[in-house]
Amino acid sequence: MSYLRIKGLHKSFGEGNKRVEVLKDINLEIHEGEFIAVLGFSGGGKTTLISLLAGLIRPDSGTITLSGDEITEPGPDRGIVFQNYSLLPWLTVEANIALAVDHVYSDWPEDRRRERVRRCIEMVHLTPARNKKPLELSGGMRQRVAVARALAIDPKILLLDEPLSALDALTRATLQDEIERIWRQERKTVVLITNDVDEGLLLADRIVTMTAGPGATLGREFVVNLERPRDRKALNHDPAFKRLRNEITDHLIAINPNRKKSGQQPCGASTRFFANQAA
C-alpha cells in the first residue's frame, strides 16, 4: 500500500464563468522514504499541489491519503518549506524553530524541547548563528532555518515548494547538498517542487512532470536510478545522467503548448543542456 496517495484530484479557483481549473485528475502514489521531484512550468499549478498536500486548501474533488488517513487540514505530520522563508523577523533562529517545537510538543519537558531545537540547528550547521534574527542572515542561512523548523516537528513527509529558487547558483548548490545529506540521515519522505531538471536529477528517486496549465495534470514519470551519494561534477560526465536529462528536457519541450509561439525554454531546462545541444 502506498504511503502517500493522491487520487482523482481536481482544483479550481474563481467564481462563475471566471472559474479556472488549475489542476485536473491528479493521481500519484509515493512510497515511504521516497524522494519525489515534481517538475513543470511556471503557472502550472505546482504550488497549488503542494498546498493541497499540506492541507492548506481543499480539493474540489478527489482525495489525498497519508498512511490510509485522508488529509483534510494542516498537521504536524507534514512539514513545509516555502520559497520565501516565512520566518518571524523579530525572533532569533533559535526562537523561530522553538515556536514550532513548543506548539507541537507542548507536553514535553522544557529541557527536552530545547534539546530538540539545539539538535535541529546543529543539523543545518547554524549553531554559531542561533541568536541572530532573519535580517542578519543571508538568504541561504534563512532557508536553512526554514528547513530546520520543518524537520523539528519530526514530520512524516517534508514538502519543499521551490525552496531554493530565489538563491544564487553557489548557495543553491550548497543547499541542495545539505538537503540530500539531511534526507539520507533522516530518511523522511520528501516531495520537492522544482523547475530545474538538474536539481531533480541530483536529489530525487523519481521525477514526475506536470503539463502546462491551466488544467494541468501529471505527465510522464522518470525513475532516477543514479548511484547515491551523487556528486554534481561526476554527474556531468555520467552517460546515464546525460541521457535522463535529455529525455526529460525533450519531454518538457514536447508538452509545452506555448513553446512554438513564444520560443521560450521549458521551465527547468538546463542551460548547460542547451549549450551542449547547440554544440
C-alpha atoms as a PDB file:
ATOM      1  CA  MET A   1       0.000   0.000   0.000  1.00  0.00           C
ATOM      2  CA  SER A   2       1.260   3.486  -0.899  1.00  0.00           C
ATOM      3  CA  TYR A   3       2.384   5.767   1.905  1.00  0.00           C
ATOM      4  CA  LEU A   4       1.027   8.929   0.271  1.00  0.00           C
ATOM      5  CA  ARG A   5      -1.719   8.548  -2.308  1.00  0.00           C
ATOM      6  CA  ILE A   6      -3.315  11.221  -4.485  1.00  0.00           C
ATOM      7  CA  LYS A   7      -6.405  10.031  -6.338  1.00  0.00           C
ATOM      8  CA  GLY A   8      -8.580  11.879  -8.837  1.00  0.00           C
ATOM      9  CA  LEU A   9      -7.613  15.340  -7.568  1.00  0.00           C
ATOM     10  CA  HIS A  10      -9.229  18.424  -9.138  1.00  0.00           C
ATOM     11  CA  LYS A  11      -8.850  22.052  -8.044  1.00  0.00           C
ATOM     12  CA  SER A  12     -10.270  25.286  -9.468  1.00  0.00           C
ATOM     13  CA  PHE A  13     -10.278  28.913  -8.349  1.00  0.00           C
ATOM     14  CA  GLY A  14     -12.670  31.786  -9.047  1.00  0.00           C
ATOM     15  CA  GLU A  15     -16.427  32.113  -9.382  1.00  0.00           C
ATOM     16  CA  GLY A  16     -18.962  31.573 -12.157  1.00  0.00           C
ATOM     17  CA  ASN A  17     -17.693  31.972 -15.711  1.00  0.00           C
ATOM     18  CA  LYS A  18     -14.365  33.254 -14.353  1.00  0.00           C
ATOM     19  CA  ARG A  19     -13.646  29.978 -12.587  1.00  0.00           C
ATOM     20  CA  VAL A  20     -10.352  28.472 -13.778  1.00  0.00           C
ATOM     21  CA  GLU A  21      -9.425  24.818 -13.441  1.00  0.00           C
ATOM     22  CA  VAL A  22      -5.838  24.777 -12.143  1.00  0.00           C
ATOM     23  CA  LEU A  23      -5.351  21.042 -11.614  1.00  0.00           C
ATOM     24  CA  LYS A  24      -7.293  18.126 -13.065  1.00  0.00           C
ATOM     25  CA  ASP A  25      -7.246  14.379 -12.488  1.00  0.00           C
ATOM     26  CA  ILE A  26      -4.036  14.258 -10.437  1.00  0.00           C
ATOM     27  CA  ASN A  27      -3.079  10.697  -9.500  1.00  0.00           C
ATOM     28  CA  LEU A  28       0.163   9.765  -7.748  1.00  0.00           C
ATOM     29  CA  GLU A  29       1.431   7.137  -5.328  1.00  0.00           C
ATOM     30  CA  ILE A  30       4.524   7.751  -3.193  1.00  0.00           C
ATOM     31  CA  HIS A  31       6.325   5.172  -1.064  1.00  0.00           C
ATOM     32  CA  GLU A  32       7.653   5.748   2.439  1.00  0.00           C
ATOM     33  CA  GLY A  33      11.156   7.225   2.413  1.00  0.00           C
ATOM     34  CA  GLU A  34      10.967   8.105  -1.286  1.00  0.00           C
ATOM     35  CA  PHE A  35      12.274  11.426  -2.605  1.00  0.00           C
ATOM     36  CA  ILE A  36       9.950  12.706  -5.339  1.00  0.00           C
ATOM     37  CA  ALA A  37      10.549  15.775  -7.514  1.00  0.00           C
ATOM     38  CA  VAL A  38       7.557  17.348  -9.291  1.00  0.00           C
ATOM     39  CA  LEU A  39       8.848  19.239 -12.314  1.00  0.00           C
ATOM     40  CA  GLY A  40       6.954  21.569 -14.597  1.00  0.00           C
ATOM     41  CA  PHE A  41       6.283  25.050 -15.928  1.00  0.00           C
ATOM     42  CA  SER A  42       5.654  28.335 -14.134  1.00  0.00           C
ATOM     43  CA  GLY A  43       1.942  28.812 -13.551  1.00  0.00           C
ATOM     44  CA  GLY A  44       1.307  25.096 -13.949  1.00  0.00           C
ATOM     45  CA  GLY A  45      -0.211  24.550 -10.505  1.00  0.00           C
ATOM     46  CA  LYS A  46       2.805  23.115  -8.679  1.00  0.00           C
ATOM     47  CA  THR A  47       2.330  25.350  -5.636  1.00  0.00           C
ATOM     48  CA  THR A  48      -1.393  24.560  -5.630  1.00  0.00           C
ATOM     49  CA  LEU A  49      -0.486  20.876  -5.485  1.00  0.00           C
ATOM     50  CA  ILE A  50       1.886  21.359  -2.542  1.00  0.00           C
ATOM     51  CA  SER A  51      -0.775  23.444  -0.740  1.00  0.00           C
ATOM     52  CA  LEU A  52      -3.257  20.604  -1.196  1.00  0.00           C
ATOM     53  CA  LEU A  53      -0.743  18.106   0.195  1.00  0.00           C
ATOM     54  CA  ALA A  54      -0.142  20.387   3.170  1.00  0.00           C
ATOM     55  CA  GLY A  55      -3.885  20.660   3.821  1.00  0.00           C
ATOM     56  CA  LEU A  56      -3.795  24.445   3.415  1.00  0.00           C
ATOM     57  CA  ILE A  57      -6.566  24.266   0.797  1.00  0.00           C
ATOM     58  CA  ARG A  58      -9.158  21.617  -0.060  1.00  0.00           C
ATOM     59  CA  PRO A  59      -9.651  19.955  -3.448  1.00  0.00           C
ATOM     60  CA  ASP A  60     -12.887  20.319  -5.406  1.00  0.00           C
ATOM     61  CA  SER A  61     -12.896  16.546  -5.767  1.00  0.00           C
ATOM     62  CA  GLY A  62     -10.567  13.635  -5.207  1.00  0.00           C
ATOM     63  CA  THR A  63      -8.636  12.542  -2.130  1.00  0.00           C
ATOM     64  CA  ILE A  64      -5.173  12.659  -0.583  1.00  0.00           C
ATOM     65  CA  THR A  65      -4.357   9.992   1.986  1.00  0.00           C
ATOM     66  CA  LEU A  66      -1.303   9.552   4.197  1.00  0.00           C
ATOM     67  CA  SER A  67      -0.872   6.114   5.767  1.00  0.00           C
ATOM     68  CA  GLY A  68      -4.506   5.480   4.834  1.00  0.00           C
ATOM     69  CA  ASP A  69      -5.856   8.604   6.575  1.00  0.00           C
ATOM     70  CA  GLU A  70      -7.360  11.371   4.439  1.00  0.00           C
ATOM     71  CA  ILE A  71      -5.683  14.776   4.582  1.00  0.00           C
ATOM     72  CA  THR A  72      -8.289  17.467   5.237  1.00  0.00           C
ATOM     73  CA  GLU A  73      -6.323  20.123   7.130  1.00  0.00           C
ATOM     74  CA  PRO A  74      -2.747  21.120   8.084  1.00  0.00           C
ATOM     75  CA  GLY A  75      -0.987  18.883  10.589  1.00  0.00           C
ATOM     76  CA  PRO A  76       2.413  18.213  12.168  1.00  0.00           C
ATOM     77  CA  ASP A  77       2.750  15.028  10.113  1.00  0.00           C
ATOM     78  CA  ARG A  78       3.656  17.316   7.192  1.00  0.00           C
ATOM     79  CA  GLY A  79       6.477  19.869   7.349  1.00  0.00           C
ATOM     80  CA  ILE A  80       6.579  22.511   4.628  1.00  0.00           C
ATOM     81  CA  VAL A  81       9.321  24.835   3.393  1.00  0.00           C
ATOM     82  CA  PHE A  82       8.220  27.722   1.167  1.00  0.00           C
ATOM     83  CA  GLN A  83      10.172  29.815  -1.345  1.00  0.00           C
ATOM     84  CA  ASN A  84      10.154  32.942   0.827  1.00  0.00           C
ATOM     85  CA  TYR A  85      11.465  31.501   4.144  1.00  0.00           C
ATOM     86  CA  SER A  86       8.320  32.550   6.138  1.00  0.00           C
ATOM     87  CA  LEU A  87      10.319  33.301   9.284  1.00  0.00           C
ATOM     88  CA  LEU A  88       9.153  35.691  12.003  1.00  0.00           C
ATOM     89  CA  PRO A  89      11.599  38.619  11.670  1.00  0.00           C
ATOM     90  CA  TRP A  90      11.504  39.630  15.336  1.00  0.00           C
ATOM     91  CA  LEU A  91      12.571  36.167  16.543  1.00  0.00           C
ATOM     92  CA  THR A  92      16.033  34.645  16.552  1.00  0.00           C
ATOM     93  CA  VAL A  93      16.965  31.467  14.690  1.00  0.00           C
ATOM     94  CA  GLU A  94      16.508  29.516  17.898  1.00  0.00           C
ATOM     95  CA  ALA A  95      13.172  31.151  18.724  1.00  0.00           C
ATOM     96  CA  ASN A  96      11.747  30.598  15.223  1.00  0.00           C
ATOM     97  CA  ILE A  97      12.423  26.876  15.500  1.00  0.00           C
ATOM     98  CA  ALA A  98      11.350  26.710  19.144  1.00  0.00           C
ATOM     99  CA  LEU A  99       7.972  28.194  18.192  1.00  0.00           C
ATOM    100  CA  ALA A 100       7.182  25.095  16.128  1.00  0.00           C
ATOM    101  CA  VAL A 101       8.600  22.662  18.687  1.00  0.00           C
ATOM    102  CA  ASP A 102       6.741  24.267  21.608  1.00  0.00           C
ATOM    103  CA  HIS A 103       3.461  24.139  19.692  1.00  0.00           C
ATOM    104  CA  VAL A 104       3.702  20.509  18.568  1.00  0.00           C
ATOM    105  CA  TYR A 105       5.411  19.105  21.684  1.00  0.00           C
ATOM    106  CA  SER A 106       3.794  21.229  24.386  1.00  0.00           C
ATOM    107  CA  ASP A 107       3.594  18.168  26.665  1.00  0.00           C
ATOM    108  CA  TRP A 108       7.369  17.644  26.604  1.00  0.00           C
ATOM    109  CA  PRO A 109       9.556  18.981  29.451  1.00  0.00           C
ATOM    110  CA  GLU A 110      11.260  22.245  28.540  1.00  0.00           C
ATOM    111  CA  ASP A 111      14.763  20.781  28.582  1.00  0.00           C
ATOM    112  CA  ARG A 112      13.717  18.110  26.070  1.00  0.00           C
ATOM    113  CA  ARG A 113      12.203  20.752  23.776  1.00  0.00           C
ATOM    114  CA  ARG A 114      15.324  22.908  23.973  1.00  0.00           C
ATOM    115  CA  GLU A 115      17.475  19.882  23.135  1.00  0.00           C
ATOM    116  CA  ARG A 116      15.303  19.175  20.092  1.00  0.00           C
ATOM    117  CA  VAL A 117      15.779  22.762  18.908  1.00  0.00           C
ATOM    118  CA  ARG A 118      19.534  22.579  19.522  1.00  0.00           C
ATOM    119  CA  ARG A 119      19.878  19.364  17.502  1.00  0.00           C
ATOM    120  CA  CYS A 120      17.933  20.767  14.553  1.00  0.00           C
ATOM    121  CA  ILE A 121      20.034  23.942  14.485  1.00  0.00           C
ATOM    122  CA  GLU A 122      23.159  21.793  14.568  1.00  0.00           C
ATOM    123  CA  MET A 123      21.791  19.609  11.748  1.00  0.00           C
ATOM    124  CA  VAL A 124      21.720  22.589   9.356  1.00  0.00           C
ATOM    125  CA  HIS A 125      25.079  23.940  10.602  1.00  0.00           C
ATOM    126  CA  LEU A 126      23.697  27.156  12.102  1.00  0.00           C
ATOM    127  CA  THR A 127      24.854  26.840  15.723  1.00  0.00           C
ATOM    128  CA  PRO A 128      27.043  29.995  15.539  1.00  0.00           C
ATOM    129  CA  ALA A 129      24.018  31.975  14.250  1.00  0.00           C
ATOM    130  CA  ARG A 130      21.415  30.643  16.677  1.00  0.00           C
ATOM    131  CA  ASN A 131      20.930  34.037  18.371  1.00  0.00           C
ATOM    132  CA  LYS A 132      20.686  36.051  15.164  1.00  0.00           C
ATOM    133  CA  LYS A 133      17.457  37.328  13.624  1.00  0.00           C
ATOM    134  CA  PRO A 134      16.472  36.668   9.987  1.00  0.00           C
ATOM    135  CA  LEU A 135      17.558  40.111   8.753  1.00  0.00           C
ATOM    136  CA  GLU A 136      21.059  39.343   9.988  1.00  0.00           C
ATOM    137  CA  LEU A 137      21.247  36.180   7.878  1.00  0.00           C
ATOM    138  CA  SER A 138      21.909  35.531   4.207  1.00  0.00           C
ATOM    139  CA  GLY A 139      19.181  34.036   2.033  1.00  0.00           C
ATOM    140  CA  GLY A 140      20.780  30.616   2.212  1.00  0.00           C
ATOM    141  CA  MET A 141      21.006  30.755   6.002  1.00  0.00           C
ATOM    142  CA  ARG A 142      17.343  31.781   6.258  1.00  0.00           C
ATOM    143  CA  GLN A 143      16.341  28.810   4.160  1.00  0.00           C
ATOM    144  CA  ARG A 144      18.406  26.545   6.431  1.00  0.00           C
ATOM    145  CA  VAL A 145      16.345  27.867   9.350  1.00  0.00           C
ATOM    146  CA  ALA A 146      13.144  27.084   7.436  1.00  0.00           C
ATOM    147  CA  VAL A 147      14.342  23.521   6.762  1.00  0.00           C
ATOM    148  CA  ALA A 148      15.346  23.064  10.413  1.00  0.00           C
ATOM    149  CA  ARG A 149      11.960  24.336  11.587  1.00  0.00           C
ATOM    150  CA  ALA A 150      10.125  21.922   9.288  1.00  0.00           C
ATOM    151  CA  LEU A 151      12.228  18.980  10.491  1.00  0.00           C
ATOM    152  CA  ALA A 152      11.967  19.985  14.157  1.00  0.00           C
ATOM    153  CA  ILE A 153       8.376  18.718  14.374  1.00  0.00           C
ATOM    154  CA  ASP A 154       9.519  15.308  13.040  1.00  0.00           C
ATOM    155  CA  PRO A 155       7.013  15.186  10.147  1.00  0.00           C
ATOM    156  CA  LYS A 156       6.227  12.046   8.217  1.00  0.00           C
ATOM    157  CA  ILE A 157       6.576  13.994   4.966  1.00  0.00           C
ATOM    158  CA  LEU A 158       8.699  17.005   4.077  1.00  0.00           C
ATOM    159  CA  LEU A 159       7.114  19.282   1.446  1.00  0.00           C
ATOM    160  CA  LEU A 160       9.546  21.591  -0.358  1.00  0.00           C
ATOM    161  CA  ASP A 161       7.935  24.286  -2.524  1.00  0.00           C
ATOM    162  CA  GLU A 162      10.791  25.506  -4.763  1.00  0.00           C
ATOM    163  CA  PRO A 163      12.774  26.353  -1.619  1.00  0.00           C
ATOM    164  CA  LEU A 164      15.978  27.228  -3.489  1.00  0.00           C
ATOM    165  CA  SER A 165      14.641  29.144  -6.488  1.00  0.00           C
ATOM    166  CA  ALA A 166      15.454  32.615  -5.087  1.00  0.00           C
ATOM    167  CA  LEU A 167      19.072  31.789  -4.234  1.00  0.00           C
ATOM    168  CA  ASP A 168      22.224  32.420  -6.242  1.00  0.00           C
ATOM    169  CA  ALA A 169      23.773  29.440  -8.020  1.00  0.00           C
ATOM    170  CA  LEU A 170      26.527  28.765  -5.472  1.00  0.00           C
ATOM    171  CA  THR A 171      24.206  28.983  -2.455  1.00  0.00           C
ATOM    172  CA  ARG A 172      21.622  26.858  -4.252  1.00  0.00           C
ATOM    173  CA  ALA A 173      24.203  24.139  -4.909  1.00  0.00           C
ATOM    174  CA  THR A 174      25.282  24.187  -1.253  1.00  0.00           C
ATOM    175  CA  LEU A 175      21.695  23.873  -0.027  1.00  0.00           C
ATOM    176  CA  GLN A 176      20.983  21.066  -2.499  1.00  0.00           C
ATOM    177  CA  ASP A 177      23.852  19.119  -0.950  1.00  0.00           C
ATOM    178  CA  GLU A 178      22.525  19.877   2.540  1.00  0.00           C
ATOM    179  CA  ILE A 179      19.004  18.702   1.674  1.00  0.00           C
ATOM    180  CA  GLU A 180      20.387  15.472   0.213  1.00  0.00           C
ATOM    181  CA  ARG A 181      22.557  14.905   3.288  1.00  0.00           C
ATOM    182  CA  ILE A 182      19.642  15.511   5.673  1.00  0.00           C
ATOM    183  CA  TRP A 183      17.387  13.224   3.623  1.00  0.00           C
ATOM    184  CA  ARG A 184      19.934  10.391   3.827  1.00  0.00           C
ATOM    185  CA  GLN A 185      20.297  10.997   7.563  1.00  0.00           C
ATOM    186  CA  GLU A 186      16.589  11.337   8.428  1.00  0.00           C
ATOM    187  CA  ARG A 187      15.028   9.187   5.671  1.00  0.00           C
ATOM    188  CA  LYS A 188      11.932  11.327   5.505  1.00  0.00           C
ATOM    189  CA  THR A 189       9.524  11.034   2.604  1.00  0.00           C
ATOM    190  CA  VAL A 190      10.127  14.182   0.520  1.00  0.00           C
ATOM    191  CA  VAL A 191       8.080  15.906  -2.174  1.00  0.00           C
ATOM    192  CA  LEU A 192      10.123  18.604  -3.894  1.00  0.00           C
ATOM    193  CA  ILE A 193       8.513  21.131  -6.225  1.00  0.00           C
ATOM    194  CA  THR A 194      11.141  22.422  -8.627  1.00  0.00           C
ATOM    195  CA  ASN A 195      11.555  23.971 -12.055  1.00  0.00           C
ATOM    196  CA  ASP A 196      15.112  22.709 -12.515  1.00  0.00           C
ATOM    197  CA  VAL A 197      15.849  19.421 -14.276  1.00  0.00           C
ATOM    198  CA  ASP A 198      19.344  19.101 -12.830  1.00  0.00           C
ATOM    199  CA  GLU A 199      18.076  19.712  -9.290  1.00  0.00           C
ATOM    200  CA  GLY A 200      15.549  16.913  -9.673  1.00  0.00           C
ATOM    201  CA  LEU A 201      18.192  14.536 -11.009  1.00  0.00           C
ATOM    202  CA  LEU A 202      20.619  15.409  -8.237  1.00  0.00           C
ATOM    203  CA  LEU A 203      18.125  14.850  -5.411  1.00  0.00           C
ATOM    204  CA  ALA A 204      15.203  12.647  -6.397  1.00  0.00           C
ATOM    205  CA  ASP A 205      14.475   8.944  -6.684  1.00  0.00           C
ATOM    206  CA  ARG A 206      11.734   9.727  -9.179  1.00  0.00           C
ATOM    207  CA  ILE A 207      10.804  12.786 -11.244  1.00  0.00           C
ATOM    208  CA  VAL A 208       7.146  13.409 -12.084  1.00  0.00           C
ATOM    209  CA  THR A 209       6.443  16.002 -14.763  1.00  0.00           C
ATOM    210  CA  MET A 210       3.430  18.303 -14.907  1.00  0.00           C
ATOM    211  CA  THR A 211       1.777  19.547 -18.068  1.00  0.00           C
ATOM    212  CA  ALA A 212       1.342  23.275 -18.673  1.00  0.00           C
ATOM    213  CA  GLY A 213      -1.649  24.996 -17.071  1.00  0.00           C
ATOM    214  CA  PRO A 214      -4.404  25.860 -16.776  1.00  0.00           C
ATOM    215  CA  GLY A 215      -5.903  22.456 -16.180  1.00  0.00           C
ATOM    216  CA  ALA A 216      -2.501  20.914 -15.529  1.00  0.00           C
ATOM    217  CA  THR A 217      -2.159  17.235 -14.789  1.00  0.00           C
ATOM    218  CA  LEU A 218       0.724  14.873 -14.148  1.00  0.00           C
ATOM    219  CA  GLY A 219       2.657  13.652 -17.146  1.00  0.00           C
ATOM    220  CA  ARG A 220       5.437  11.152 -17.627  1.00  0.00           C
ATOM    221  CA  GLU A 221       7.467   9.769 -14.728  1.00  0.00           C
ATOM    222  CA  PHE A 222      11.221   9.184 -14.809  1.00  0.00           C
ATOM    223  CA  VAL A 223      12.992   6.835 -12.397  1.00  0.00           C
ATOM    224  CA  VAL A 224      16.336   8.323 -11.337  1.00  0.00           C
ATOM    225  CA  ASN A 225      18.428   5.219 -10.725  1.00  0.00           C
ATOM    226  CA  LEU A 226      21.718   7.077 -10.380  1.00  0.00           C
ATOM    227  CA  GLU A 227      24.006   5.873  -7.616  1.00  0.00           C
ATOM    228  CA  ARG A 228      23.981   7.802  -4.327  1.00  0.00           C
ATOM    229  CA  PRO A 229      25.529   9.910  -2.958  1.00  0.00           C
ATOM    230  CA  ARG A 230      25.548  11.962  -6.157  1.00  0.00           C
ATOM    231  CA  ASP A 231      28.409  14.264  -6.999  1.00  0.00           C
ATOM    232  CA  ARG A 232      27.401  17.086  -9.342  1.00  0.00           C
ATOM    233  CA  LYS A 233      30.818  17.207 -11.047  1.00  0.00           C
ATOM    234  CA  ALA A 234      30.840  13.474 -11.678  1.00  0.00           C
ATOM    235  CA  LEU A 235      27.237  13.545 -12.931  1.00  0.00           C
ATOM    236  CA  ASN A 236      28.138  15.908 -15.755  1.00  0.00           C
ATOM    237  CA  HIS A 237      30.300  13.100 -17.182  1.00  0.00           C
ATOM    238  CA  ASP A 238      27.830  10.286 -16.463  1.00  0.00           C
ATOM    239  CA  PRO A 239      26.162   8.921 -19.643  1.00  0.00           C
ATOM    240  CA  ALA A 240      23.069   7.805 -17.673  1.00  0.00           C
ATOM    241  CA  PHE A 241      22.660  11.303 -16.226  1.00  0.00           C
ATOM    242  CA  LYS A 242      23.034  12.923 -19.642  1.00  0.00           C
ATOM    243  CA  ARG A 243      20.527  10.537 -21.184  1.00  0.00           C
ATOM    244  CA  LEU A 244      17.943  11.182 -18.455  1.00  0.00           C
ATOM    245  CA  ARG A 245      18.449  14.943 -18.623  1.00  0.00           C
ATOM    246  CA  ASN A 246      17.957  14.907 -22.392  1.00  0.00           C
ATOM    247  CA  GLU A 247      14.855  12.721 -22.149  1.00  0.00           C
ATOM    248  CA  ILE A 248      13.243  14.921 -19.508  1.00  0.00           C
ATOM    249  CA  THR A 249      14.057  18.165 -21.294  1.00  0.00           C
ATOM    250  CA  ASP A 250      12.783  16.807 -24.619  1.00  0.00           C
ATOM    251  CA  HIS A 251       9.598  15.720 -22.888  1.00  0.00           C
ATOM    252  CA  LEU A 252       9.074  19.170 -21.356  1.00  0.00           C
ATOM    253  CA  ILE A 253       9.582  20.777 -24.756  1.00  0.00           C
ATOM    254  CA  ALA A 254       7.061  18.400 -26.307  1.00  0.00           C
ATOM    255  CA  ILE A 255       4.315  19.053 -23.726  1.00  0.00           C
ATOM    256  CA  ASN A 256       4.699  22.862 -23.670  1.00  0.00           C
ATOM    257  CA  PRO A 257       1.964  24.234 -25.951  1.00  0.00           C
ATOM    258  CA  ASN A 258       3.408  27.761 -25.823  1.00  0.00           C
ATOM    259  CA  ARG A 259       6.941  26.922 -26.987  1.00  0.00           C
ATOM    260  CA  LYS A 260       6.289  27.312 -30.728  1.00  0.00           C
ATOM    261  CA  LYS A 261       4.510  30.616 -30.156  1.00  0.00           C
ATOM    262  CA  SER A 262       6.919  32.202 -27.700  1.00  0.00           C
ATOM    263  CA  GLY A 263      10.195  30.392 -28.355  1.00  0.00           C
ATOM    264  CA  GLN A 264      10.617  30.004 -24.590  1.00  0.00           C
ATOM    265  CA  GLN A 265      12.662  27.275 -22.983  1.00  0.00           C
ATOM    266  CA  PRO A 266      10.717  24.908 -20.775  1.00  0.00           C
ATOM    267  CA  CYS A 267      10.879  25.804 -17.137  1.00  0.00           C
ATOM    268  CA  GLY A 268      13.581  23.616 -15.650  1.00  0.00           C
ATOM    269  CA  ALA A 269      15.594  23.135 -18.818  1.00  0.00           C
ATOM    270  CA  SER A 270      19.289  23.182 -18.090  1.00  0.00           C
ATOM    271  CA  THR A 271      21.364  25.970 -19.589  1.00  0.00           C
ATOM    272  CA  ARG A 272      24.239  23.510 -19.919  1.00  0.00           C
ATOM    273  CA  PHE A 273      21.971  21.114 -21.771  1.00  0.00           C
ATOM    274  CA  PHE A 274      21.003  23.664 -24.389  1.00  0.00           C
ATOM    275  CA  ALA A 275      24.623  24.733 -24.735  1.00  0.00           C
ATOM    276  CA  ASN A 276      25.587  21.106 -25.322  1.00  0.00           C
ATOM    277  CA  GLN A 277      22.809  20.694 -27.887  1.00  0.00           C
ATOM    278  CA  ALA A 278      23.969  23.790 -29.768  1.00  0.00           C
ATOM    279  CA  ALA A 279      27.480  22.420 -29.824  1.00  0.00           C
END
